[in-house]
Amino acid sequence: TWTDLNGNLNTIQFQGIGLHPTDPNIAIGGSQDNGTSVFNNSLIWSQTDGGDGGFAKFSQTNGSIAYHQIPVLSSPNFFRVSLDGGSSWDTRTAGILDNDQFSQQFYAPFVVDHPSNVDRVLFGGKRIWETTDQGVTWTAKQSFFNGSSGLINAIGVLSAKIYAAVHPAGNAQGPTDVNRSTDNGNTWTIVNGNLPSGAIVQDIQVTPTAAYAVLSNSFNTGNVYSIATGGNNWTKISGGALPQEPVWSLQIDQAAGKLYVGAEDGVYVGNLAGGTSWAPFGTGLPNAQVLQIALNSN
């Protein structure tokens, strides 16, 4: 005879988190096997879509528009859009459906561009897909590696500058190559210089002058890197109090000159310029893997 000892223990595993563009009390998150839910300043989250939940984000110009990804490749419902703040959802995969439905990561990455670029969203399968009309239509950017079927693991974007970490064809868990485009995805250049051999880039963020990336597959101090716009070599900017462990996510507060990273045991903050200034951020967060960070710098 067994006795339930779980009590009020909550074990939902969130994979993605997104913040409302104007209301700091509203967030959206996707969780493994427990759907997509909306936070509205209460410990009780409201589930808005079922099944698996993956990455989830709000539009940065209109809080009524939200997006989330579902890792169910056997159905066409892998990308969903809400026009009422997350209350109801529509599948918006036409175009991608006939091409990359079965050629994407289980948690396929997507990013919402800077607010000045209206509602531009980029989705990663074996190529970059772009929509500017909430997923009604999608346009494919040029394929990587002359048409090979490598899967995209992470995307970073700022206007015409796009970075994509791509697994080689046939190995969705292998090392990634970082591809960079400065002309909105028309042409691409591989920029792996100074990254460790076998590196898996898990997240990329882009500023007007540089890009930043984190690695998730090694237990050493070299898991946060930056590269100057137009440069070919990455510079390691991690060290100091940042533990020797995988790093999964990052966000940039450019005005404050700060970089926040999500590691195996919590969130750390450092300077954009790098160095040894890294320190744990805040108090009260459990020693848990941080798969994604969203930043409200207001």
Protein backbone atom coordinates (compact mmCIF):
# COMPACT_ATOMS: atom_id res chain seq x y z
CA THR A 1 0.00 0.00 0.00
CA TRP A 2 1.39 3.34 -1.08
CA THR A 3 0.80 6.76 0.50
CA ASP A 4 0.88 9.95 -1.57
CA LEU A 5 3.63 12.18 -0.13
CA ASN A 6 3.59 14.82 -2.87
CA GLY A 7 1.48 17.31 -0.91
CA ASN A 8 1.45 20.64 -2.73
CA LEU A 9 4.67 19.96 -4.67
CA ASN A 10 4.49 21.38 -8.20
CA THR A 11 6.69 19.69 -10.80
CA ILE A 12 5.64 21.30 -14.07
CA GLN A 13 8.64 21.68 -16.39
CA PHE A 14 8.45 24.98 -18.28
CA GLN A 15 10.34 25.09 -21.58
CA GLY A 16 9.62 28.69 -22.61
CA ILE A 17 8.49 31.99 -21.13
CA GLY A 18 7.35 35.26 -22.69
CA LEU A 19 6.47 38.67 -21.24
CA HIS A 20 3.61 41.00 -22.16
CA PRO A 21 5.00 44.12 -23.91
CA THR A 22 3.38 46.66 -21.55
CA ASP A 23 1.96 44.82 -18.51
CA PRO A 24 4.65 43.32 -16.23
CA ASN A 25 2.00 41.23 -14.46
CA ILE A 26 1.23 39.11 -17.53
CA ALA A 27 3.38 36.29 -18.89
CA ILE A 28 2.94 33.17 -21.01
CA GLY A 29 4.74 29.85 -20.71
CA GLY A 30 4.88 26.46 -22.39
CA SER A 31 5.46 23.32 -20.33
CA GLN A 32 6.39 19.73 -21.05
CA ASP A 33 3.19 17.63 -21.34
CA ASN A 34 1.18 20.29 -19.48
CA GLY A 35 0.20 22.71 -22.23
CA THR A 36 0.58 26.46 -22.53
CA SER A 37 -0.54 28.72 -19.69
CA VAL A 38 -0.94 32.44 -18.98
CA PHE A 39 0.20 34.14 -15.76
CA ASN A 40 -1.92 37.10 -14.64
CA ASN A 41 -0.35 38.17 -11.33
CA SER A 42 -1.61 35.11 -9.46
CA LEU A 43 0.02 31.89 -8.31
CA ILE A 44 -2.75 30.11 -10.22
CA TRP A 45 -1.83 30.04 -13.92
CA SER A 46 -4.59 29.60 -16.53
CA GLN A 47 -4.00 26.85 -19.08
CA THR A 48 -4.98 28.10 -22.53
CA ASP A 49 -3.86 25.26 -24.80
CA GLY A 50 -3.26 21.59 -24.08
CA GLY A 51 -0.78 18.92 -25.02
CA ASP A 52 2.93 19.69 -24.97
CA GLY A 53 4.03 23.28 -24.60
CA GLY A 54 7.26 24.68 -26.00
CA PHE A 55 8.50 28.21 -26.56
CA ALA A 56 5.91 30.96 -26.04
CA LYS A 57 6.06 34.72 -26.66
CA PHE A 58 3.93 37.84 -26.92
CA SER A 59 4.13 40.31 -29.77
CA GLN A 60 6.24 43.27 -28.65
CA THR A 61 3.87 45.79 -30.24
CA ASN A 62 0.47 44.34 -29.34
CA GLY A 63 -0.24 42.45 -26.10
CA SER A 64 -3.30 40.84 -27.67
CA ILE A 65 -1.07 38.82 -30.01
CA ALA A 66 0.76 35.77 -28.68
CA TYR A 67 2.58 32.83 -30.23
CA HIS A 68 3.52 29.38 -29.02
CA GLN A 69 5.14 26.24 -30.38
CA ILE A 70 3.88 22.68 -29.85
CA PRO A 71 6.36 19.79 -30.27
CA VAL A 72 3.94 17.45 -32.03
CA LEU A 73 5.45 16.87 -35.45
CA SER A 74 2.88 14.23 -36.42
CA SER A 75 0.20 16.92 -36.60
CA PRO A 76 0.10 20.31 -38.35
CA ASN A 77 -0.45 22.18 -35.06
CA PHE A 78 3.20 22.89 -34.24
CA PHE A 79 2.83 26.69 -34.35
CA ARG A 80 -0.17 28.48 -32.86
CA VAL A 81 -1.24 32.13 -32.77
CA SER A 82 -3.64 33.97 -30.46
CA LEU A 83 -5.22 37.33 -31.31
CA ASP A 84 -6.97 37.74 -27.96
CA GLY A 85 -4.12 37.61 -25.47
CA GLY A 86 -3.98 33.83 -25.20
CA SER A 87 -7.65 33.00 -24.65
CA SER A 88 -8.03 31.15 -27.97
CA TRP A 89 -5.59 29.81 -30.54
CA ASP A 90 -5.36 29.15 -34.28
CA THR A 91 -2.89 26.92 -36.10
CA ARG A 92 -0.76 28.98 -38.50
CA THR A 93 1.58 26.55 -40.29
CA ALA A 94 0.58 26.86 -43.97
CA GLY A 95 3.74 26.92 -46.07
CA ILE A 96 5.94 25.40 -43.37
CA LEU A 97 3.59 22.39 -43.25
CA ASP A 98 4.53 21.04 -46.68
CA ASN A 99 8.25 21.56 -46.17
CA ASP A 100 9.59 21.44 -42.62
CA GLN A 101 6.87 19.74 -40.58
CA PHE A 102 9.09 16.72 -39.99
CA SER A 103 12.37 18.64 -40.19
CA GLN A 104 12.58 20.60 -36.96
CA GLN A 105 13.75 20.22 -33.40
CA PHE A 106 11.33 18.81 -30.82
CA TYR A 107 11.34 22.29 -29.30
CA ALA A 108 11.67 24.26 -32.52
CA PRO A 109 13.07 27.76 -31.91
CA PHE A 110 11.27 30.92 -32.92
CA VAL A 111 11.96 34.59 -32.18
CA VAL A 112 10.00 37.83 -32.30
CA ASP A 113 12.01 40.68 -33.80
CA HIS A 114 12.56 44.13 -32.30
CA PRO A 115 9.32 46.13 -31.86
CA SER A 116 10.32 48.53 -34.64
CA ASN A 117 9.92 45.66 -37.11
CA VAL A 118 6.17 45.31 -36.51
CA ASP A 119 5.30 41.65 -35.87
CA ARG A 120 8.11 39.89 -37.65
CA VAL A 121 8.55 36.33 -36.41
CA LEU A 122 11.26 33.88 -37.47
CA PHE A 123 10.72 30.11 -37.04
CA GLY A 124 13.46 27.49 -37.39
CA GLY A 125 13.08 24.12 -39.10
CA LYS A 126 15.77 23.08 -41.54
CA ARG A 127 15.69 26.68 -42.76
CA ILE A 128 14.51 30.05 -41.44
CA TRP A 129 10.83 30.85 -42.01
CA GLU A 130 9.57 34.44 -41.75
CA THR A 131 6.09 35.84 -41.17
CA THR A 132 4.96 39.45 -40.77
CA ASP A 133 1.21 38.75 -40.61
CA GLN A 134 0.88 36.55 -37.52
CA GLY A 135 1.59 33.33 -39.40
CA VAL A 136 -1.01 33.70 -42.13
CA THR A 137 1.80 33.48 -44.69
CA TRP A 138 5.39 32.27 -44.33
CA THR A 139 8.43 32.91 -46.51
CA ALA A 140 11.47 30.62 -46.47
CA LYS A 141 14.92 32.13 -46.26
CA GLN A 142 17.74 30.51 -48.22
CA SER A 143 18.57 27.01 -46.99
CA PHE A 144 21.80 26.39 -45.11
CA PHE A 145 24.73 24.34 -46.40
CA ASN A 146 23.54 24.48 -50.01
CA GLY A 147 20.24 22.79 -49.25
CA SER A 148 21.27 20.23 -46.61
CA SER A 149 18.76 19.13 -43.97
CA GLY A 150 20.50 20.31 -40.82
CA LEU A 151 18.09 21.38 -38.05
CA ILE A 152 18.14 24.85 -36.51
CA ASN A 153 18.74 24.87 -32.75
CA ALA A 154 18.73 28.63 -31.98
CA ILE A 155 17.97 31.91 -33.73
CA GLY A 156 19.05 35.47 -32.97
CA VAL A 157 17.72 38.43 -34.94
CA LEU A 158 17.91 42.20 -35.13
CA SER A 159 16.47 43.63 -38.34
CA ALA A 160 18.57 42.38 -41.29
CA LYS A 161 21.10 40.61 -39.04
CA ILE A 162 20.18 36.95 -38.40
CA TYR A 163 22.23 34.32 -36.59
CA ALA A 164 21.27 30.64 -36.61
CA ALA A 165 22.89 27.70 -34.80
CA VAL A 166 22.43 24.67 -37.04
CA HIS A 167 22.94 20.99 -36.27
CA PRO A 168 24.47 19.02 -39.15
CA ALA A 169 22.19 16.89 -41.30
CA GLY A 170 21.16 13.65 -39.64
CA ASN A 171 22.31 14.57 -36.14
CA ALA A 172 19.78 16.71 -34.27
CA GLN A 173 21.86 16.53 -31.08
CA GLY A 174 25.33 17.04 -32.55
CA PRO A 175 27.58 20.11 -32.58
CA THR A 176 26.22 23.27 -34.18
CA ASP A 177 27.58 25.59 -36.81
CA VAL A 178 26.74 29.27 -36.36
CA ASN A 179 25.47 30.80 -39.60
CA ARG A 180 25.25 34.59 -39.95
CA SER A 181 23.35 36.69 -42.47
CA THR A 182 23.57 40.47 -42.68
CA ASP A 183 21.14 40.81 -45.60
CA ASN A 184 17.93 39.41 -44.09
CA GLY A 185 18.70 35.79 -44.85
CA ASN A 186 19.60 36.02 -48.52
CA THR A 187 23.22 34.93 -48.03
CA TRP A 188 24.92 33.17 -45.14
CA THR A 189 28.42 32.78 -43.72
CA ILE A 190 29.54 30.19 -41.14
CA VAL A 191 31.25 31.93 -38.19
CA ASN A 192 32.58 29.31 -35.78
CA GLY A 193 35.97 30.92 -35.11
CA ASN A 194 37.26 30.33 -31.53
CA LEU A 195 34.18 28.35 -30.42
CA PRO A 196 35.18 25.07 -28.73
CA SER A 197 35.16 21.92 -30.85
CA GLY A 198 31.79 20.19 -30.54
CA ALA A 199 30.02 23.27 -29.18
CA ILE A 200 26.21 23.29 -29.10
CA VAL A 201 24.92 26.86 -29.21
CA GLN A 202 21.63 26.95 -27.31
CA ASP A 203 20.65 30.64 -27.47
CA ILE A 204 21.72 33.75 -29.40
CA GLN A 205 20.91 37.42 -28.81
CA VAL A 206 21.87 40.27 -31.14
CA THR A 207 22.66 43.97 -30.58
CA PRO A 208 23.56 46.63 -33.18
CA THR A 209 27.27 46.02 -32.60
CA ALA A 210 27.59 42.37 -31.53
CA ALA A 211 25.98 39.00 -30.99
CA TYR A 212 26.08 36.87 -27.84
CA ALA A 213 25.76 33.09 -27.55
CA VAL A 214 25.69 30.44 -24.83
CA LEU A 215 26.74 26.77 -24.98
CA SER A 216 24.80 23.97 -23.32
CA ASN A 217 26.95 20.87 -23.72
CA SER A 218 30.09 21.41 -21.65
CA PHE A 219 31.09 21.68 -18.02
CA ASN A 220 33.74 24.40 -18.23
CA THR A 221 34.06 28.14 -17.90
CA GLY A 222 33.86 28.82 -21.65
CA ASN A 223 30.10 28.82 -22.17
CA VAL A 224 29.30 32.49 -22.85
CA TYR A 225 30.69 34.15 -25.99
CA SER A 226 30.39 37.35 -28.01
CA ILE A 227 31.25 38.28 -31.59
CA ALA A 228 31.48 41.76 -33.11
CA THR A 229 29.24 42.61 -36.04
CA GLY A 230 31.22 41.62 -39.12
CA GLY A 231 33.76 39.67 -37.08
CA ASN A 232 34.75 36.05 -37.69
CA ASN A 233 35.94 35.01 -34.22
CA TRP A 234 34.07 34.65 -30.94
CA THR A 235 35.45 35.91 -27.63
CA LYS A 236 34.88 34.04 -24.38
CA ILE A 237 33.34 36.44 -21.84
CA SER A 238 32.47 33.99 -19.06
CA GLY A 239 34.51 33.39 -15.93
CA GLY A 240 34.71 34.51 -12.36
CA ALA A 241 31.76 33.34 -10.28
CA LEU A 242 29.99 31.73 -13.25
CA PRO A 243 30.10 27.98 -12.49
CA GLN A 244 31.65 25.44 -14.83
CA GLU A 245 28.32 24.15 -16.15
CA PRO A 246 26.09 24.34 -19.24
CA VAL A 247 24.34 27.62 -20.00
CA TRP A 248 20.95 27.47 -21.71
CA SER A 249 19.65 31.00 -22.23
CA LEU A 250 20.56 34.68 -22.13
CA GLN A 251 19.09 38.16 -22.27
CA ILE A 252 20.75 41.54 -22.83
CA ASP A 253 20.04 44.77 -20.98
CA GLN A 254 22.00 47.03 -23.29
CA ALA A 255 21.14 50.28 -21.51
CA ALA A 256 22.56 48.94 -18.25
CA GLY A 257 25.45 47.10 -19.93
CA LYS A 258 24.35 43.81 -18.35
CA LEU A 259 24.04 40.25 -19.58
CA TYR A 260 21.78 37.71 -17.85
CA VAL A 261 22.29 33.98 -18.41
CA GLY A 262 20.27 30.93 -17.38
CA ALA A 263 22.54 28.10 -16.25
CA GLU A 264 22.13 24.65 -14.68
CA ASP A 265 21.54 26.07 -11.21
CA GLY A 266 19.94 29.48 -11.67
CA VAL A 267 20.43 32.94 -13.17
CA TYR A 268 23.70 34.87 -13.26
CA VAL A 269 24.45 38.47 -14.26
CA GLY A 270 27.62 39.89 -15.77
CA ASN A 271 28.87 42.81 -17.84
CA LEU A 272 28.40 42.90 -21.61
CA ALA A 273 32.12 43.48 -21.91
CA GLY A 274 32.80 40.19 -20.11
CA GLY A 275 35.44 39.64 -17.47
CA THR A 276 35.12 38.16 -13.99
CA SER A 277 32.20 40.21 -12.70
CA TRP A 278 29.66 37.37 -12.89
CA ALA A 279 27.46 36.83 -9.84
CA PRO A 280 24.26 34.97 -8.93
CA PHE A 281 21.22 37.14 -9.61
CA GLY A 282 18.61 37.68 -6.92
CA THR A 283 17.62 35.39 -4.07
CA GLY A 284 14.98 32.73 -3.56
CA LEU A 285 15.26 31.02 -6.95
CA PRO A 286 15.73 27.24 -6.56
CA ASN A 287 18.91 25.63 -7.81
CA ALA A 288 17.17 24.65 -11.04
CA GLN A 289 18.02 24.53 -14.73
CA VAL A 290 16.95 27.79 -16.39
CA LEU A 291 15.90 26.95 -19.94
CA GLN A 292 14.79 30.43 -21.00
CA ILE A 293 14.97 33.99 -19.71
CA ALA A 294 12.70 36.90 -20.70
CA LEU A 295 13.70 40.43 -19.76
CA ASN A 296 11.56 43.47 -18.98
CA SER A 297 14.10 46.29 -18.75
CA ASN A 298 11.51 49.04 -18.05
